[in-house]
């Protein structure tokens, strides 16, 4: 599909990848230091969602062509032709924004976690039939909010893991 592609912001993916690596390192250090199994299970329980979020986020992409939009996810793809769209709506919760694309049979939700989200929304508004676009979506295209709380949270997880690893290494050696 020719057109423009958008992926999840690297500002989020980089700290999430570091979090996964540090979590695995901490798990290995804990096994080496013979940490109690309850702590290891707790750490593994923390790591499972972190790994899943990282994998899903790194594989998620939106491709916008001249006549359709395609979303790639870990478990498959979804495609919607612009002519099939019944509505394009925007919902904003604090700095989190969701664009909802709805047809008679299916829907697609795009969040502002994507790089160049402002460009993505403007491109959609330009390509989608005028009758399908809500006033909220038009307003969002004019001034989409910047979201950075997820990036802050991911870097906070990196900092916490570094502190825990430092404490673990200090007590193990």
N, C-alpha and C. Protein backbone atom coordinates (compact mmCIF):
# COMPACT_ATOMS: atom_id res chain seq x y z
N UNK A 1 0.84 -1.17 0.00
CA UNK A 1 0.00 0.00 0.00
C UNK A 1 0.89 1.24 0.00
N UNK A 2 0.79 2.05 -1.02
CA UNK A 2 1.53 3.31 -1.07
C UNK A 2 0.79 4.33 -0.23
N UNK A 3 1.52 5.29 0.28
CA UNK A 3 0.91 6.33 1.11
C UNK A 3 1.83 6.66 2.27
N UNK A 4 1.24 7.11 3.35
CA UNK A 4 2.00 7.52 4.52
C UNK A 4 1.81 6.51 5.63
N UNK A 5 2.90 6.21 6.34
CA UNK A 5 2.86 5.26 7.45
C UNK A 5 3.19 5.97 8.75
N UNK A 6 2.51 5.55 9.80
CA UNK A 6 2.71 6.11 11.13
C UNK A 6 2.91 4.95 12.10
N UNK A 7 3.84 5.11 13.03
CA UNK A 7 4.05 4.09 14.05
C UNK A 7 4.04 4.76 15.42
N UNK A 8 4.04 3.93 16.45
CA UNK A 8 4.04 4.45 17.82
C UNK A 8 5.34 5.23 18.04
N UNK A 9 5.23 6.33 18.80
CA UNK A 9 6.38 7.21 19.02
C UNK A 9 7.57 6.48 19.62
N UNK A 10 8.74 6.75 19.08
CA UNK A 10 9.98 6.16 19.60
C UNK A 10 10.27 6.65 21.01
N UNK A 11 9.79 7.84 21.35
CA UNK A 11 9.95 8.37 22.70
C UNK A 11 9.31 7.49 23.74
N UNK A 12 8.34 6.67 23.34
CA UNK A 12 7.72 5.69 24.22
C UNK A 12 8.38 4.32 24.07
N UNK A 13 8.67 3.93 22.84
CA UNK A 13 9.23 2.59 22.60
C UNK A 13 10.61 2.40 23.22
N UNK A 14 11.45 3.43 23.19
CA UNK A 14 12.81 3.29 23.73
C UNK A 14 12.79 3.00 25.22
N UNK A 15 12.10 3.79 26.06
CA UNK A 15 12.09 3.44 27.48
C UNK A 15 11.36 2.13 27.77
N UNK A 16 10.36 1.78 26.96
CA UNK A 16 9.69 0.48 27.17
C UNK A 16 10.64 -0.66 26.87
N UNK A 17 11.44 -0.54 25.82
CA UNK A 17 12.43 -1.57 25.50
C UNK A 17 13.47 -1.69 26.61
N UNK A 18 13.92 -0.54 27.12
CA UNK A 18 14.89 -0.56 28.22
C UNK A 18 14.27 -1.18 29.46
N UNK A 19 13.00 -0.89 29.72
CA UNK A 19 12.30 -1.49 30.86
C UNK A 19 12.27 -3.01 30.75
N UNK A 20 11.99 -3.51 29.57
CA UNK A 20 11.95 -4.96 29.35
C UNK A 20 13.35 -5.57 29.59
N UNK A 21 14.37 -4.94 29.03
CA UNK A 21 15.74 -5.45 29.20
C UNK A 21 16.14 -5.43 30.67
N UNK A 22 15.87 -4.32 31.36
CA UNK A 22 16.22 -4.22 32.78
C UNK A 22 15.43 -5.21 33.62
N UNK A 23 14.17 -5.42 33.27
CA UNK A 23 13.35 -6.40 33.99
C UNK A 23 13.89 -7.81 33.84
N UNK A 24 14.31 -8.17 32.64
CA UNK A 24 14.91 -9.50 32.42
C UNK A 24 16.23 -9.60 33.17
N UNK A 25 17.02 -8.53 33.15
CA UNK A 25 18.29 -8.53 33.89
C UNK A 25 18.03 -8.70 35.39
N UNK A 26 17.04 -8.00 35.91
CA UNK A 26 16.72 -8.13 37.33
C UNK A 26 16.23 -9.53 37.67
N UNK A 27 15.47 -10.11 36.79
CA UNK A 27 15.00 -11.49 36.99
C UNK A 27 16.18 -12.46 37.02
N UNK A 28 17.12 -12.29 36.11
CA UNK A 28 18.31 -13.15 36.09
C UNK A 28 19.18 -12.93 37.32
N UNK A 29 19.35 -11.68 37.74
CA UNK A 29 20.11 -11.39 38.96
C UNK A 29 19.43 -12.02 40.17
N UNK A 30 18.13 -11.91 40.21
CA UNK A 30 17.37 -12.51 41.31
C UNK A 30 17.50 -14.02 41.35
N UNK A 31 17.51 -14.65 40.19
CA UNK A 31 17.69 -16.11 40.14
C UNK A 31 19.10 -16.48 40.59
N UNK A 32 20.08 -15.70 40.13
CA UNK A 32 21.47 -15.95 40.51
C UNK A 32 21.67 -15.75 42.02
N UNK A 33 21.06 -14.71 42.56
CA UNK A 33 21.20 -14.41 43.99
C UNK A 33 20.25 -15.24 44.84
N UNK A 34 19.50 -16.12 44.22
CA UNK A 34 18.55 -17.01 44.88
C UNK A 34 17.53 -16.22 45.72
N UNK A 35 16.97 -15.23 45.07
CA UNK A 35 15.92 -14.44 45.68
C UNK A 35 14.74 -15.36 45.99
N UNK A 36 13.95 -15.06 47.02
CA UNK A 36 12.77 -15.89 47.31
C UNK A 36 11.86 -16.00 46.07
N UNK A 37 11.29 -17.17 45.92
CA UNK A 37 10.48 -17.43 44.72
C UNK A 37 9.29 -16.49 44.62
N UNK A 38 8.73 -16.04 45.73
CA UNK A 38 7.61 -15.09 45.69
C UNK A 38 8.00 -13.80 45.00
N UNK A 39 9.20 -13.30 45.27
CA UNK A 39 9.68 -12.08 44.63
C UNK A 39 9.90 -12.31 43.13
N UNK A 40 10.44 -13.48 42.80
CA UNK A 40 10.67 -13.79 41.38
C UNK A 40 9.34 -13.87 40.62
N UNK A 41 8.33 -14.48 41.25
CA UNK A 41 7.02 -14.57 40.61
C UNK A 41 6.40 -13.18 40.44
N UNK A 42 6.58 -12.33 41.46
CA UNK A 42 6.05 -10.98 41.38
C UNK A 42 6.73 -10.20 40.25
N UNK A 43 8.04 -10.34 40.15
CA UNK A 43 8.78 -9.67 39.08
C UNK A 43 8.36 -10.21 37.71
N UNK A 44 8.20 -11.52 37.61
CA UNK A 44 7.75 -12.11 36.34
C UNK A 44 6.35 -11.61 35.99
N UNK A 45 5.50 -11.46 37.01
CA UNK A 45 4.14 -10.95 36.76
C UNK A 45 4.19 -9.50 36.26
N UNK A 46 5.16 -8.72 36.72
CA UNK A 46 5.35 -7.36 36.24
C UNK A 46 5.87 -7.38 34.80
N UNK A 47 6.72 -8.31 34.49
CA UNK A 47 7.37 -8.35 33.18
C UNK A 47 6.43 -8.76 32.06
N UNK A 48 5.49 -9.64 32.33
CA UNK A 48 4.60 -10.13 31.28
C UNK A 48 3.85 -8.98 30.61
N UNK A 49 3.15 -8.10 31.36
CA UNK A 49 2.48 -7.00 30.67
C UNK A 49 3.46 -6.03 30.00
N UNK A 50 4.62 -5.81 30.61
CA UNK A 50 5.61 -4.90 30.01
C UNK A 50 6.07 -5.44 28.65
N UNK A 51 6.33 -6.73 28.58
CA UNK A 51 6.76 -7.35 27.32
C UNK A 51 5.63 -7.28 26.29
N UNK A 52 4.41 -7.57 26.71
CA UNK A 52 3.27 -7.53 25.79
C UNK A 52 3.02 -6.12 25.26
N UNK A 53 3.10 -5.12 26.14
CA UNK A 53 2.91 -3.73 25.71
C UNK A 53 4.01 -3.34 24.73
N UNK A 54 5.25 -3.73 25.02
CA UNK A 54 6.35 -3.39 24.13
C UNK A 54 6.18 -4.04 22.75
N UNK A 55 5.85 -5.32 22.74
CA UNK A 55 5.67 -6.03 21.46
C UNK A 55 4.53 -5.42 20.67
N UNK A 56 3.39 -5.22 21.32
CA UNK A 56 2.23 -4.66 20.62
C UNK A 56 2.53 -3.25 20.11
N UNK A 57 3.15 -2.43 20.94
CA UNK A 57 3.44 -1.05 20.55
C UNK A 57 4.45 -0.99 19.40
N UNK A 58 5.44 -1.84 19.44
CA UNK A 58 6.47 -1.79 18.39
C UNK A 58 5.96 -2.33 17.05
N UNK A 59 4.93 -3.15 17.07
CA UNK A 59 4.41 -3.71 15.82
C UNK A 59 3.23 -2.92 15.25
N UNK A 60 2.66 -2.03 16.03
CA UNK A 60 1.47 -1.29 15.60
C UNK A 60 1.84 -0.19 14.62
N UNK A 61 1.14 -0.15 13.49
CA UNK A 61 1.37 0.85 12.45
C UNK A 61 0.04 1.20 11.79
N UNK A 62 -0.04 2.44 11.33
CA UNK A 62 -1.20 2.89 10.56
C UNK A 62 -0.68 3.36 9.21
N UNK A 63 -1.28 2.87 8.14
CA UNK A 63 -0.92 3.26 6.77
C UNK A 63 -2.13 3.95 6.15
N UNK A 64 -1.91 5.15 5.65
CA UNK A 64 -2.99 5.88 5.01
C UNK A 64 -2.66 6.01 3.53
N UNK A 65 -3.55 5.46 2.70
CA UNK A 65 -3.41 5.56 1.26
C UNK A 65 -4.39 6.57 0.71
N UNK A 66 -4.50 6.64 -0.58
CA UNK A 66 -5.39 7.60 -1.22
C UNK A 66 -6.86 7.30 -0.98
N UNK A 67 -7.18 5.99 -0.82
CA UNK A 67 -8.59 5.62 -0.69
C UNK A 67 -8.90 4.75 0.52
N UNK A 68 -7.91 4.48 1.37
CA UNK A 68 -8.15 3.59 2.50
C UNK A 68 -7.14 3.81 3.62
N UNK A 69 -7.47 3.23 4.77
CA UNK A 69 -6.57 3.23 5.92
C UNK A 69 -6.39 1.79 6.37
N UNK A 70 -5.17 1.45 6.72
CA UNK A 70 -4.84 0.08 7.13
C UNK A 70 -4.11 0.17 8.47
N UNK A 71 -4.56 -0.62 9.44
CA UNK A 71 -3.90 -0.68 10.73
C UNK A 71 -3.31 -2.07 10.92
N UNK A 72 -1.99 -2.10 11.16
CA UNK A 72 -1.29 -3.35 11.45
C UNK A 72 -1.14 -3.48 12.96
N UNK A 73 -1.49 -4.66 13.47
CA UNK A 73 -1.34 -4.97 14.89
C UNK A 73 -0.67 -6.33 14.99
N UNK A 74 -0.31 -6.70 16.20
CA UNK A 74 0.35 -7.99 16.42
C UNK A 74 -0.52 -9.14 15.94
N UNK A 75 -1.80 -9.06 16.19
CA UNK A 75 -2.68 -10.18 15.84
C UNK A 75 -3.44 -9.98 14.53
N UNK A 76 -2.90 -9.17 13.63
CA UNK A 76 -3.54 -9.04 12.33
C UNK A 76 -3.64 -7.61 11.86
N UNK A 77 -4.38 -7.43 10.78
CA UNK A 77 -4.55 -6.10 10.20
C UNK A 77 -6.03 -5.82 10.03
N UNK A 78 -6.33 -4.53 9.94
CA UNK A 78 -7.71 -4.10 9.68
C UNK A 78 -7.63 -2.99 8.65
N UNK A 79 -8.52 -3.06 7.66
CA UNK A 79 -8.52 -2.09 6.58
C UNK A 79 -9.92 -1.51 6.43
N UNK A 80 -9.96 -0.19 6.21
CA UNK A 80 -11.24 0.48 5.98
C UNK A 80 -11.07 1.41 4.78
N UNK A 81 -11.99 1.28 3.83
CA UNK A 81 -12.01 2.20 2.69
C UNK A 81 -12.70 3.49 3.13
N UNK A 82 -12.17 4.61 2.70
CA UNK A 82 -12.73 5.90 3.10
C UNK A 82 -14.19 6.04 2.65
N UNK A 83 -14.52 5.47 1.50
CA UNK A 83 -15.90 5.57 1.01
C UNK A 83 -16.89 4.80 1.88
N UNK A 84 -16.40 3.83 2.66
CA UNK A 84 -17.26 3.05 3.54
C UNK A 84 -17.49 3.69 4.90
N UNK A 85 -16.76 4.75 5.20
CA UNK A 85 -16.85 5.37 6.52
C UNK A 85 -18.21 6.04 6.74
N UNK A 86 -18.81 5.72 7.89
CA UNK A 86 -20.05 6.36 8.29
C UNK A 86 -19.75 7.58 9.16
N UNK A 87 -18.70 7.46 9.99
CA UNK A 87 -18.35 8.61 10.83
C UNK A 87 -16.89 8.56 11.27
N UNK A 88 -16.34 9.75 11.47
CA UNK A 88 -15.01 9.93 12.03
C UNK A 88 -15.20 10.88 13.21
N UNK A 89 -15.00 10.36 14.42
CA UNK A 89 -15.22 11.13 15.64
C UNK A 89 -13.92 11.26 16.41
N UNK A 90 -13.85 12.25 17.28
CA UNK A 90 -12.69 12.45 18.15
C UNK A 90 -13.17 12.58 19.58
N UNK A 91 -12.46 11.91 20.47
CA UNK A 91 -12.75 11.98 21.90
C UNK A 91 -11.46 12.34 22.61
N UNK A 92 -11.55 13.30 23.52
CA UNK A 92 -10.36 13.73 24.25
C UNK A 92 -10.60 13.54 25.75
N UNK A 93 -9.68 12.84 26.40
CA UNK A 93 -9.71 12.66 27.84
C UNK A 93 -8.37 13.16 28.37
N UNK A 94 -8.38 14.34 28.99
CA UNK A 94 -7.16 15.06 29.38
C UNK A 94 -6.32 15.26 28.13
N UNK A 95 -5.10 14.72 28.11
CA UNK A 95 -4.25 14.87 26.93
C UNK A 95 -4.28 13.62 26.05
N UNK A 96 -5.12 12.66 26.38
CA UNK A 96 -5.26 11.44 25.59
C UNK A 96 -6.38 11.65 24.58
N UNK A 97 -6.09 11.38 23.31
CA UNK A 97 -7.06 11.60 22.24
C UNK A 97 -7.26 10.31 21.47
N UNK A 98 -8.50 10.07 21.10
CA UNK A 98 -8.84 8.90 20.30
C UNK A 98 -9.65 9.36 19.09
N UNK A 99 -9.25 8.87 17.93
CA UNK A 99 -9.99 9.10 16.70
C UNK A 99 -10.69 7.77 16.38
N UNK A 100 -11.98 7.83 16.24
CA UNK A 100 -12.78 6.65 15.96
C UNK A 100 -13.27 6.70 14.52
N UNK A 101 -12.95 5.66 13.75
CA UNK A 101 -13.40 5.53 12.37
C UNK A 101 -14.43 4.40 12.35
N UNK A 102 -15.65 4.70 11.93
CA UNK A 102 -16.72 3.72 12.00
C UNK A 102 -17.35 3.50 10.64
N UNK A 103 -17.55 2.22 10.31
CA UNK A 103 -18.31 1.85 9.12
C UNK A 103 -19.57 1.14 9.60
N UNK A 104 -20.35 0.65 8.67
CA UNK A 104 -21.55 -0.10 9.04
C UNK A 104 -21.19 -1.40 9.76
N UNK A 105 -20.04 -2.01 9.41
CA UNK A 105 -19.68 -3.32 9.93
C UNK A 105 -18.57 -3.32 10.97
N UNK A 106 -17.72 -2.31 10.97
CA UNK A 106 -16.53 -2.37 11.82
C UNK A 106 -16.13 -0.98 12.28
N UNK A 107 -15.09 -0.94 13.08
CA UNK A 107 -14.57 0.35 13.54
C UNK A 107 -13.07 0.22 13.76
N UNK A 108 -12.42 1.37 13.88
CA UNK A 108 -10.98 1.44 14.13
C UNK A 108 -10.76 2.62 15.07
N UNK A 109 -9.91 2.44 16.06
CA UNK A 109 -9.60 3.52 16.99
C UNK A 109 -8.11 3.81 16.91
N UNK A 110 -7.78 5.08 16.74
CA UNK A 110 -6.40 5.52 16.64
C UNK A 110 -6.15 6.51 17.77
N UNK A 111 -5.11 6.27 18.57
CA UNK A 111 -4.81 7.18 19.68
C UNK A 111 -3.68 8.12 19.30
N UNK A 112 -3.46 9.12 20.13
CA UNK A 112 -2.38 10.06 19.85
C UNK A 112 -1.04 9.54 20.35
N UNK A 113 -0.89 8.24 20.44
CA UNK A 113 0.40 7.62 20.75
C UNK A 113 1.27 7.50 19.51
N UNK A 114 0.71 7.81 18.35
CA UNK A 114 1.45 7.69 17.10
C UNK A 114 2.32 8.92 16.85
N UNK A 115 3.47 8.67 16.22
CA UNK A 115 4.33 9.78 15.79
C UNK A 115 3.55 10.62 14.78
N UNK A 116 3.82 11.91 14.79
CA UNK A 116 3.21 12.84 13.84
C UNK A 116 1.69 12.72 13.84
N UNK A 117 1.11 12.61 15.04
CA UNK A 117 -0.33 12.43 15.16
C UNK A 117 -1.10 13.58 14.52
N UNK A 118 -0.58 14.78 14.66
CA UNK A 118 -1.25 15.94 14.06
C UNK A 118 -1.35 15.80 12.55
N UNK A 119 -0.27 15.32 11.94
CA UNK A 119 -0.26 15.09 10.49
C UNK A 119 -1.23 13.97 10.11
N UNK A 120 -1.27 12.92 10.91
CA UNK A 120 -2.18 11.79 10.67
C UNK A 120 -3.63 12.27 10.66
N UNK A 121 -4.02 13.07 11.66
CA UNK A 121 -5.40 13.55 11.75
C UNK A 121 -5.73 14.48 10.59
N UNK A 122 -4.81 15.37 10.26
CA UNK A 122 -5.06 16.29 9.14
C UNK A 122 -5.21 15.52 7.82
N UNK A 123 -4.37 14.50 7.65
CA UNK A 123 -4.46 13.70 6.43
C UNK A 123 -5.80 12.98 6.36
N UNK A 124 -6.26 12.45 7.47
CA UNK A 124 -7.58 11.79 7.49
C UNK A 124 -8.69 12.77 7.13
N UNK A 125 -8.66 13.94 7.73
CA UNK A 125 -9.70 14.94 7.46
C UNK A 125 -9.69 15.34 5.99
N UNK A 126 -8.52 15.39 5.38
CA UNK A 126 -8.43 15.74 3.97
C UNK A 126 -8.95 14.64 3.05
N UNK A 127 -8.79 13.37 3.45
CA UNK A 127 -9.12 12.25 2.56
C UNK A 127 -10.51 11.65 2.77
N UNK A 128 -11.04 11.78 3.96
CA UNK A 128 -12.33 11.17 4.29
C UNK A 128 -13.46 12.05 3.73
N UNK A 129 -14.55 11.41 3.27
CA UNK A 129 -15.69 12.21 2.79
C UNK A 129 -16.15 13.21 3.86
N UNK A 130 -16.39 14.43 3.43
CA UNK A 130 -16.76 15.54 4.33
C UNK A 130 -17.94 15.20 5.24
N UNK A 131 -18.91 14.48 4.73
CA UNK A 131 -20.13 14.17 5.50
C UNK A 131 -19.87 13.23 6.67
N UNK A 132 -18.77 12.49 6.65
CA UNK A 132 -18.48 11.53 7.72
C UNK A 132 -17.71 12.14 8.90
N UNK A 133 -17.17 13.33 8.73
CA UNK A 133 -16.29 13.92 9.74
C UNK A 133 -17.11 14.75 10.74
N UNK A 134 -16.94 14.45 12.02
CA UNK A 134 -17.63 15.21 13.06
C UNK A 134 -16.94 16.55 13.30
N UNK A 135 -17.64 17.44 13.97
CA UNK A 135 -17.07 18.75 14.31
C UNK A 135 -15.88 18.57 15.25
N UNK A 136 -15.96 17.60 16.16
CA UNK A 136 -14.85 17.33 17.09
C UNK A 136 -13.60 16.88 16.35
N UNK A 137 -13.77 16.05 15.33
CA UNK A 137 -12.62 15.57 14.55
C UNK A 137 -11.99 16.73 13.77
N UNK A 138 -12.81 17.62 13.25
CA UNK A 138 -12.28 18.79 12.54
C UNK A 138 -11.49 19.68 13.50
N UNK A 139 -12.03 19.88 14.67
CA UNK A 139 -11.35 20.70 15.68
C UNK A 139 -10.04 20.05 16.11
N UNK A 140 -10.04 18.72 16.23
CA UNK A 140 -8.84 17.98 16.62
C UNK A 140 -7.77 18.13 15.54
N UNK A 141 -8.17 18.12 14.29
CA UNK A 141 -7.21 18.29 13.19
C UNK A 141 -6.57 19.67 13.24
N UNK A 142 -7.33 20.65 13.70
CA UNK A 142 -6.80 22.01 13.77
C UNK A 142 -5.79 22.18 14.90
N UNK A 143 -6.01 21.48 16.03
CA UNK A 143 -5.12 21.66 17.18
C UNK A 143 -5.07 20.39 18.04
N UNK A 144 -4.39 19.33 17.57
CA UNK A 144 -4.33 18.11 18.37
C UNK A 144 -3.41 18.29 19.58
N UNK A 145 -3.84 17.78 20.76
CA UNK A 145 -3.00 17.93 21.95
C UNK A 145 -1.79 16.99 21.90
N UNK A 146 -0.72 17.41 22.55
CA UNK A 146 0.50 16.59 22.64
C UNK A 146 0.40 15.73 23.88
N UNK A 147 0.71 14.47 23.76
CA UNK A 147 0.63 13.54 24.87
C UNK A 147 2.03 13.09 25.23
N UNK A 148 2.38 13.18 26.52
CA UNK A 148 3.70 12.74 26.93
C UNK A 148 3.70 12.01 28.26
N UNK A 149 2.54 11.80 28.87
CA UNK A 149 2.49 11.13 30.17
C UNK A 149 2.94 9.68 30.08
N UNK A 150 2.66 9.00 28.96
CA UNK A 150 3.11 7.62 28.82
C UNK A 150 4.63 7.54 28.72
N UNK A 151 5.24 8.52 28.10
CA UNK A 151 6.71 8.55 28.00
C UNK A 151 7.31 8.77 29.39
N UNK A 152 6.73 9.69 30.16
CA UNK A 152 7.21 9.93 31.52
C UNK A 152 7.08 8.67 32.36
N UNK A 153 5.95 7.97 32.25
CA UNK A 153 5.73 6.74 33.02
C UNK A 153 6.74 5.66 32.63
N UNK A 154 7.04 5.54 31.35
CA UNK A 154 8.00 4.53 30.90
C UNK A 154 9.40 4.85 31.42
N UNK A 155 9.81 6.12 31.40
CA UNK A 155 11.12 6.48 31.94
C UNK A 155 11.15 6.32 33.46
N UNK A 156 10.03 6.54 34.11
CA UNK A 156 9.95 6.32 35.56
C UNK A 156 10.17 4.84 35.88
N UNK A 157 9.59 3.97 35.08
CA UNK A 157 9.80 2.53 35.27
C UNK A 157 11.27 2.17 35.09
N UNK A 158 11.95 2.79 34.12
CA UNK A 158 13.38 2.56 33.91
C UNK A 158 14.15 2.98 35.16
N UNK A 159 13.85 4.15 35.70
CA UNK A 159 14.55 4.65 36.89
C UNK A 159 14.33 3.73 38.09
N UNK A 160 13.10 3.29 38.30
CA UNK A 160 12.81 2.40 39.42
C UNK A 160 13.56 1.08 39.26
N UNK A 161 13.56 0.52 38.07
CA UNK A 161 14.28 -0.74 37.84
C UNK A 161 15.78 -0.58 38.05
N UNK A 162 16.34 0.55 37.62
CA UNK A 162 17.77 0.79 37.86
C UNK A 162 18.06 0.85 39.35
N UNK A 163 17.21 1.50 40.13
CA UNK A 163 17.40 1.55 41.58
C UNK A 163 17.31 0.16 42.21
N UNK A 164 16.34 -0.61 41.78
CA UNK A 164 16.16 -1.96 42.32
C UNK A 164 17.36 -2.84 41.95
N UNK A 165 17.83 -2.73 40.72
CA UNK A 165 19.01 -3.52 40.29
C UNK A 165 20.23 -3.10 41.11
N UNK A 166 20.43 -1.81 41.31
CA UNK A 166 21.57 -1.34 42.11
C UNK A 166 21.49 -1.88 43.54
N UNK A 167 20.31 -1.83 44.13
CA UNK A 167 20.14 -2.37 45.50
C UNK A 167 20.36 -3.87 45.53
N UNK A 168 19.88 -4.55 44.52
CA UNK A 168 20.03 -6.02 44.46
C UNK A 168 21.50 -6.40 44.29
N UNK A 169 22.21 -5.69 43.41
CA UNK A 169 23.62 -5.99 43.20
C UNK A 169 24.44 -5.67 44.45
N UNK A 170 24.08 -4.60 45.15
CA UNK A 170 24.81 -4.23 46.37
C UNK A 170 24.63 -5.31 47.44
N UNK A 171 23.44 -5.86 47.56
CA UNK A 171 23.21 -6.89 48.59
C UNK A 171 23.71 -8.26 48.16
N UNK A 172 23.81 -8.50 46.85
CA UNK A 172 24.25 -9.83 46.37
C UNK A 172 25.76 -9.97 46.39
N UNK A 173 26.47 -8.88 46.23
CA UNK A 173 27.92 -8.99 46.14
C UNK A 173 28.56 -8.27 47.27
